[in-house]
Amino acid sequence: MIDFDEEPPRRQFETLVPLINVVFLLLIFFLLAGTMQPSENIAVSLPEGALNDREKDVPTTLIVEADGFIWLGDRVMDAKLSGVMMEKHLKDSNTKRVAIKADANAPADAVLELMEGLREAGVEQVTIMTERGS
């Protein structure tokens, strides 16, 4: 028989550091990817609705505050002037769809005047955003 003087090589200790690094990188990626949508500067509390009919691809969103003022991006307008203001915006953005995000305490006449102005401006589809009811 042949007698070997050397010991068999020992397996190196396997570390979990690369696996932990990958897990943390994935965690950071999903945390950032989940918060990429810009937040809106105007806080409104939406009314409750029976259906969750929010559309993700609505190009133009109007926000109606509780005091009746209407926001289009960073511009504020009155409900009576909404038709005139929206005509130019709709021509520039080349869209006929609008979403209204009205506060639950917003005056109904401001929302109705806004919708009338949108109709006069040539909007073909209006979506009213709500919170899912319980």
Protein backbone atom coordinates (compact mmCIF):
# COMPACT_ATOMS: atom_id res chain seq x y z
CA MET A 1 0.00 0.00 0.00
CA ILE A 2 1.01 3.54 -0.62
CA ASP A 3 1.25 5.75 2.40
CA PHE A 4 0.65 9.47 1.87
CA ASP A 5 2.23 11.90 4.29
CA GLU A 6 0.02 14.86 3.40
CA GLU A 7 -3.35 15.47 4.95
CA PRO A 8 -6.26 15.85 2.55
CA PRO A 9 -6.99 19.56 1.87
CA ARG A 10 -9.65 20.98 4.13
CA ARG A 11 -12.64 22.71 2.60
CA GLN A 12 -12.52 26.43 3.02
CA PHE A 13 -15.15 27.98 5.20
CA GLU A 14 -17.99 29.17 2.95
CA THR A 15 -19.15 32.64 3.85
CA LEU A 16 -22.63 34.03 3.47
CA VAL A 17 -21.40 37.57 2.87
CA PRO A 18 -22.05 37.56 -0.91
CA LEU A 19 -25.58 36.25 -0.37
CA ILE A 20 -26.28 38.90 2.26
CA ASN A 21 -24.97 41.60 -0.09
CA VAL A 22 -27.29 40.45 -2.86
CA VAL A 23 -30.30 40.34 -0.51
CA PHE A 24 -29.62 43.89 0.72
CA LEU A 25 -29.16 45.16 -2.83
CA LEU A 26 -32.50 43.64 -3.83
CA LEU A 27 -34.13 45.15 -0.75
CA ILE A 28 -32.80 48.61 -1.59
CA PHE A 29 -33.87 48.23 -5.23
CA PHE A 30 -37.47 47.33 -4.32
CA LEU A 31 -37.69 50.11 -1.73
CA LEU A 32 -36.61 52.67 -4.31
CA ALA A 33 -38.70 51.21 -7.13
CA GLY A 34 -41.80 51.28 -4.95
CA THR A 35 -41.49 55.00 -4.22
CA MET A 36 -40.60 56.36 -7.64
CA GLN A 37 -43.96 58.06 -8.22
CA PRO A 38 -43.68 61.74 -7.31
CA SER A 39 -45.90 62.83 -4.47
CA GLU A 40 -48.39 65.62 -4.95
CA ASN A 41 -47.93 68.87 -3.01
CA ILE A 42 -51.64 69.38 -2.46
CA ALA A 43 -53.22 67.21 0.23
CA VAL A 44 -56.82 66.19 -0.43
CA SER A 45 -58.94 63.54 1.26
CA LEU A 46 -60.81 61.65 -1.43
CA PRO A 47 -64.42 60.54 -0.99
CA GLU A 48 -65.14 56.84 -0.66
CA GLY A 49 -66.42 54.87 -3.62
CA ALA A 50 -67.75 51.38 -4.20
CA LEU A 51 -65.26 50.56 -6.95
CA ASN A 52 -61.54 51.09 -7.22
CA ASP A 53 -61.57 52.54 -10.73
CA ARG A 54 -58.30 54.46 -10.66
CA GLU A 55 -56.53 54.64 -13.94
CA LYS A 56 -52.76 54.59 -13.96
CA ASP A 57 -52.31 56.24 -17.35
CA VAL A 58 -54.56 59.31 -17.10
CA PRO A 59 -52.41 62.07 -18.61
CA THR A 60 -54.03 65.11 -16.95
CA THR A 61 -55.06 65.25 -13.29
CA LEU A 62 -56.96 68.16 -11.78
CA ILE A 63 -57.02 68.50 -7.99
CA VAL A 64 -59.96 70.27 -6.31
CA GLU A 65 -59.20 71.46 -2.78
CA ALA A 66 -61.71 71.69 0.04
CA ASP A 67 -61.93 75.48 -0.48
CA GLY A 68 -62.88 75.05 -4.16
CA PHE A 69 -59.59 76.03 -5.78
CA ILE A 70 -58.47 73.84 -8.67
CA TRP A 71 -54.85 72.85 -9.30
CA LEU A 72 -53.41 71.83 -12.66
CA GLY A 73 -49.85 70.83 -11.89
CA ASP A 74 -48.41 73.86 -10.08
CA ARG A 75 -51.01 76.35 -11.40
CA VAL A 76 -54.13 77.25 -9.48
CA MET A 77 -57.34 78.34 -11.18
CA ASP A 78 -60.94 79.18 -10.41
CA ALA A 79 -63.69 76.77 -11.45
CA LYS A 80 -65.33 79.44 -13.62
CA LEU A 81 -62.15 79.86 -15.68
CA SER A 82 -61.35 76.16 -15.94
CA GLY A 83 -62.67 75.78 -19.50
CA VAL A 84 -60.49 78.53 -20.90
CA MET A 85 -57.41 77.39 -18.96
CA MET A 86 -57.90 73.76 -19.96
CA GLU A 87 -58.33 74.42 -23.70
CA LYS A 88 -54.73 75.53 -24.09
CA HIS A 89 -53.43 72.72 -21.88
CA LEU A 90 -55.37 70.08 -23.78
CA LYS A 91 -54.04 71.34 -27.11
CA ASP A 92 -50.48 71.34 -25.79
CA SER A 93 -50.73 67.86 -24.24
CA ASN A 94 -52.78 66.45 -27.16
CA THR A 95 -55.21 64.56 -24.94
CA LYS A 96 -58.95 64.41 -24.38
CA ARG A 97 -58.91 62.56 -21.03
CA VAL A 98 -58.91 64.18 -17.60
CA ALA A 99 -59.02 62.83 -14.04
CA ILE A 100 -60.55 64.88 -11.23
CA LYS A 101 -59.20 64.34 -7.73
CA ALA A 102 -61.68 66.29 -5.62
CA ASP A 103 -61.54 66.62 -1.85
CA ALA A 104 -64.50 65.03 -0.07
CA ASN A 105 -65.31 68.46 1.45
CA ALA A 106 -65.00 70.37 -1.82
CA PRO A 107 -68.07 72.40 -2.77
CA ALA A 108 -70.21 70.55 -5.27
CA ASP A 109 -70.82 73.66 -7.36
CA ALA A 110 -67.06 74.05 -7.93
CA VAL A 111 -66.81 70.46 -9.18
CA LEU A 112 -69.88 70.93 -11.40
CA GLU A 113 -68.50 74.19 -12.84
CA LEU A 114 -65.21 72.43 -13.47
CA MET A 115 -66.93 69.58 -15.30
CA GLU A 116 -68.97 72.05 -17.38
CA GLY A 117 -65.77 73.91 -18.27
CA LEU A 118 -64.11 70.63 -19.26
CA ARG A 119 -67.05 69.78 -21.50
CA GLU A 120 -66.81 73.18 -23.20
CA ALA A 121 -63.05 72.69 -23.62
CA GLY A 122 -63.66 69.46 -25.54
CA VAL A 123 -62.76 66.80 -22.98
CA GLU A 124 -64.17 63.44 -24.04
CA GLN A 125 -63.57 61.38 -20.87
CA VAL A 126 -63.61 62.51 -17.24
CA THR A 127 -62.62 60.16 -14.42
CA ILE A 128 -63.43 61.07 -10.81
CA MET A 129 -60.93 59.51 -8.42
CA THR A 130 -62.16 58.05 -5.10
CA GLU A 131 -60.81 56.02 -2.19
CA ARG A 132 -61.87 52.41 -1.87
CA GLY A 133 -64.76 52.21 0.59
CA SER A 134 -64.85 49.70 3.42
